[in-house]
Amino acid sequence: MNVEKSAARLGATIERRRSSLGLTQAQVCDLAGVGPSFLHQLEHGKPTVRFDKLLAVLEVLGLGLNIRESRQLLAAAEDLWGEDA
């Protein structure tokens, strides 16, 4: 997994959503209770951010996180332990 690439994609998604809603960074910061530096870093792909603040921004923007099994992990497990892993 490429953390930097994932963080950059997440940041771009957040920035696009904010823009599509017609919200400024300052408005999102006020609504989410985060500082402008945090939102700027988040939108620009900082790979280490506070989870509680991330969730607050996502909530304001009507977004959420979705967790799924990694195909790479499943393929590696099958290679190690056979098809039933």
Foldseek 3Di string as FASTA:
>chain_A
DDLQVVQQVQLCVLVVLCVVVVHDLVRLCVQLVHDSVLNVCSNRRDSDDDPSSVQSSCVVSVHDDDDDDDPVVLVVCCVVPNDVD
